[in-house]
Amino acid sequence: MAVASFATLLAGAAQAAEQAHGLSGEKASFPPFDPAHFASNLFWLAITFVALYWLMSRVALPRLGSVMEERADTISRDLDQATDMQAKAEDMAQAYEKAVAEARKNAQGIAQTARETGAKASEAQRHATEAELAAKLAKAEATIAKTKVKAMSNVRDLGSDIAAAIVTKLTGQAPSATEATEAVDQALAQG
C-alpha cells in the first residue's frame, strides 16, 4: 500500500512540473539543437572563443615559452659543464698516465740499483766464504772428509741466509727459511 501511494505521489509531481513549465503534452527538444537557440549559442561560442584565444595568447603561451626557453638554457649550460668536465677528466687521465710512467721508470731504476748492490754483496760474501773454506782446507787436510761435510753444511746455511737477504733486497719481502733452504739445495744439487 505504501508503494502504491508513493507511485501516485510521483505521477502527480510529474504532472505539476509539466504544467509549471508549459510542457503539457509537448515534446521538449535539446536546447543546443533547437533552431530557436542557434543565434544565442553562436554568439556565446564566439565570445568564449575570443576570450580563450586572448587568455592563451597573452597568458598561457608566453609562460610556456619562457619555461621552454629557460629549460633550453639549462640544458645548454649543463652540456657546456659536461664538456668542460670531460676535458678536465681527460687532462687528469693524461697526467695520471704520465705519473704512472714516471713511477715505473723510477721503480726500474731502484730495482736495478738493488740488483747491483745485492750482486756486489753476494760477491763479497762469496769471496769471504771461499777464503774461509780455503783456510780450513789447508789446516785440516788429514780430516778432509769430515771438514768437507762441515763446510758444505756451512755453505748451505750461509747460502740460505744470502739467498734470503738477496730476495729481501730485490723484492722487499723476506722468504721463509724453508724456501731459502730448498733453493740453496737445488742450486747445490745442480752445481
Protein backbone atom coordinates (compact mmCIF):
# COMPACT_ATOMS: atom_id res chain seq x y z
CA MET A 1 0.00 0.00 0.00
CA ALA A 2 2.83 2.39 0.76
CA VAL A 3 4.39 1.63 -2.63
CA ALA A 4 1.13 2.41 -4.47
CA SER A 5 0.73 5.75 -2.67
CA PHE A 6 4.36 6.68 -3.44
CA ALA A 7 3.86 5.95 -7.17
CA THR A 8 0.73 8.06 -7.16
CA LEU A 9 2.57 10.89 -5.48
CA LEU A 10 5.38 10.78 -8.09
CA ALA A 11 2.93 10.82 -11.00
CA GLY A 12 1.19 13.85 -9.51
CA ALA A 13 4.50 15.67 -9.09
CA ALA A 14 5.46 15.00 -12.73
CA GLN A 15 2.15 16.44 -14.00
CA ALA A 16 2.55 19.52 -11.82
CA ALA A 17 6.07 20.09 -13.22
CA GLU A 18 4.84 19.78 -16.83
CA GLN A 19 2.14 22.33 -16.24
CA ALA A 20 4.50 24.75 -14.47
CA HIS A 21 6.97 24.72 -17.36
CA GLY A 22 4.43 24.81 -20.09
CA LEU A 23 5.23 21.34 -21.39
CA SER A 24 1.86 19.82 -21.05
CA GLY A 25 1.67 17.38 -23.88
CA GLU A 26 4.51 18.90 -25.98
CA LYS A 27 7.70 17.03 -26.53
CA ALA A 28 10.75 19.04 -25.39
CA SER A 29 13.86 19.23 -27.62
CA PHE A 30 17.56 19.51 -26.60
CA PRO A 31 18.30 23.29 -26.42
CA PRO A 32 21.55 23.28 -28.46
CA PHE A 33 19.72 21.57 -31.33
CA ASP A 34 16.70 23.80 -31.09
CA PRO A 35 16.78 26.29 -34.04
CA ALA A 36 15.35 28.97 -31.81
CA HIS A 37 18.57 28.98 -29.74
CA PHE A 38 21.16 28.89 -32.62
CA ALA A 39 21.84 32.65 -32.66
CA SER A 40 22.48 32.94 -28.94
CA ASN A 41 24.60 29.76 -28.98
CA LEU A 42 26.78 31.12 -31.82
CA PHE A 43 27.12 34.46 -30.04
CA TRP A 44 28.35 32.85 -26.80
CA LEU A 45 30.59 30.49 -28.76
CA ALA A 46 32.29 33.46 -30.44
CA ILE A 47 32.70 35.33 -27.12
CA THR A 48 34.11 32.19 -25.41
CA PHE A 49 36.48 31.52 -28.33
CA VAL A 50 37.80 35.10 -28.31
CA ALA A 51 38.24 35.05 -24.51
CA LEU A 52 40.09 31.72 -24.59
CA TYR A 53 42.22 32.86 -27.54
CA TRP A 54 43.18 36.05 -25.74
CA LEU A 55 43.89 34.13 -22.49
CA MET A 56 46.10 31.60 -24.32
CA SER A 57 47.99 34.19 -26.41
CA ARG A 58 48.56 36.69 -23.58
CA VAL A 59 48.96 34.49 -20.50
CA ALA A 60 49.47 30.76 -21.03
CA LEU A 61 51.63 30.61 -24.16
CA PRO A 62 54.13 33.29 -23.02
CA ARG A 63 54.58 31.41 -19.75
CA LEU A 64 55.11 28.14 -21.61
CA GLY A 65 57.56 29.86 -23.95
CA SER A 66 59.58 31.26 -21.04
CA VAL A 67 59.63 27.86 -19.33
CA MET A 68 60.80 26.17 -22.53
CA GLU A 69 63.47 28.83 -23.12
CA GLU A 70 64.69 28.51 -19.54
CA ARG A 71 64.84 24.72 -19.92
CA ALA A 72 66.78 25.04 -23.18
CA ASP A 73 69.23 27.41 -21.45
CA THR A 74 69.61 24.98 -18.55
CA ILE A 75 70.26 22.07 -20.90
CA SER A 76 72.78 24.11 -22.88
CA ARG A 77 74.55 25.17 -19.68
CA ASP A 78 74.60 21.58 -18.41
CA LEU A 79 76.03 20.35 -21.70
CA ASP A 80 78.76 23.01 -21.55
CA GLN A 81 79.59 21.99 -18.00
CA ALA A 82 79.70 18.32 -19.03
CA THR A 83 82.05 19.16 -21.91
CA ASP A 84 84.32 21.11 -19.54
CA MET A 85 84.29 18.27 -17.01
CA GLN A 86 85.10 15.75 -19.73
CA ALA A 87 88.06 17.87 -20.87
CA LYS A 88 89.29 18.12 -17.27
CA ALA A 89 88.90 14.37 -16.83
CA GLU A 90 90.92 13.74 -19.99
CA ASP A 91 93.64 16.11 -18.75
CA MET A 92 93.69 14.33 -15.41
CA ALA A 93 93.92 10.95 -17.16
CA GLN A 94 96.89 12.15 -19.20
CA ALA A 95 98.58 13.49 -16.05
CA TYR A 96 97.91 10.18 -14.32
CA GLU A 97 99.38 8.19 -17.20
CA LYS A 98 102.46 10.44 -17.18
CA ALA A 99 102.87 9.98 -13.41
CA VAL A 100 102.49 6.21 -13.75
CA ALA A 101 105.11 6.09 -16.50
CA GLU A 102 107.50 8.17 -14.39
CA ALA A 103 106.86 5.95 -11.35
CA ARG A 104 107.60 2.84 -13.42
CA LYS A 105 110.83 4.40 -14.66
CA ASN A 106 111.84 5.25 -11.08
CA ALA A 107 110.90 1.76 -9.89
CA GLN A 108 113.05 0.18 -12.61
CA GLY A 109 115.99 2.38 -11.57
CA ILE A 110 115.55 1.41 -7.93
CA ALA A 111 115.28 -2.28 -8.83
CA GLN A 112 118.45 -2.09 -10.95
CA THR A 113 120.33 -0.41 -8.11
CA ALA A 114 119.11 -3.05 -5.66
CA ARG A 115 120.22 -5.84 -8.02
CA GLU A 116 123.67 -4.32 -8.41
CA THR A 117 124.04 -3.81 -4.66
CA GLY A 118 122.81 -7.35 -3.99
CA ALA A 119 125.22 -8.75 -6.58
CA LYS A 120 128.17 -6.87 -5.03
CA ALA A 121 127.23 -8.00 -1.54
CA SER A 122 126.79 -11.56 -2.75
CA GLU A 123 130.16 -11.47 -4.50
CA ALA A 124 131.88 -10.10 -1.40
CA GLN A 125 130.19 -12.69 0.80
CA ARG A 126 131.13 -15.43 -1.63
CA HIS A 127 134.80 -14.36 -1.62
CA ALA A 128 134.83 -14.27 2.17
CA THR A 129 133.31 -17.73 2.34
CA GLU A 130 135.76 -19.14 -0.20
CA ALA A 131 138.71 -17.70 1.74
CA GLU A 132 137.43 -19.21 4.97
CA LEU A 133 136.93 -22.59 3.33
CA ALA A 134 140.38 -22.49 1.72
CA ALA A 135 141.97 -21.77 5.11
CA LYS A 136 140.09 -24.64 6.73
CA LEU A 137 141.08 -26.99 3.92
CA ALA A 138 144.78 -26.07 4.30
CA LYS A 139 144.80 -26.68 8.07
CA ALA A 140 142.82 -29.91 8.06
CA GLU A 141 143.86 -31.91 5.05
CA ALA A 142 144.04 -35.07 7.11
CA THR A 143 140.41 -34.81 8.08
CA ILE A 144 139.18 -33.60 4.67
CA ALA A 145 136.05 -35.74 4.53
CA LYS A 146 134.81 -34.53 7.90
CA THR A 147 135.71 -30.93 7.10
CA LYS A 148 134.09 -31.17 3.67
CA VAL A 149 130.75 -32.26 5.18
CA LYS A 150 131.01 -29.49 7.77
CA ALA A 151 131.92 -26.89 5.13
CA MET A 152 129.02 -27.96 2.88
CA SER A 153 126.67 -27.59 5.83
CA ASN A 154 128.05 -24.10 6.45
CA VAL A 155 127.75 -23.25 2.76
CA ARG A 156 124.14 -24.43 2.75
CA ASP A 157 123.17 -22.34 5.80
CA LEU A 158 125.15 -19.36 4.61
CA GLY A 159 123.69 -19.71 1.12
CA SER A 160 120.19 -19.80 2.62
CA ASP A 161 120.93 -16.60 4.53
CA ILE A 162 122.48 -14.93 1.48
CA ALA A 163 119.60 -16.03 -0.76
CA ALA A 164 117.10 -14.73 1.79
CA ALA A 165 118.98 -11.41 2.01
CA ILE A 166 119.12 -11.07 -1.79
CA VAL A 167 115.44 -11.88 -2.25
CA THR A 168 114.56 -9.46 0.55
CA LYS A 169 116.56 -6.67 -1.04
CA LEU A 170 115.19 -7.35 -4.53
CA THR A 171 111.54 -7.82 -3.70
CA GLY A 172 111.19 -6.18 -0.31
CA GLN A 173 109.71 -9.39 1.16
CA ALA A 174 111.66 -11.95 3.15
CA PRO A 175 111.18 -15.58 2.03
CA SER A 176 110.63 -18.28 4.61
CA ALA A 177 113.65 -20.21 5.83
CA THR A 178 112.27 -23.37 4.19
CA GLU A 179 112.02 -21.71 0.78
CA ALA A 180 115.54 -20.32 1.01
CA THR A 181 116.94 -23.70 2.09
CA GLU A 182 115.18 -25.54 -0.75
CA ALA A 183 116.50 -23.03 -3.30
CA VAL A 184 120.06 -23.47 -1.99
CA ASP A 185 119.66 -27.27 -2.01
CA GLN A 186 118.55 -27.15 -5.66
CA ALA A 187 121.49 -24.91 -6.54
CA LEU A 188 123.92 -27.22 -4.72
CA ALA A 189 122.42 -30.30 -6.42
CA GLN A 190 122.84 -28.73 -9.85
CA GLY A 191 126.34 -27.44 -9.22
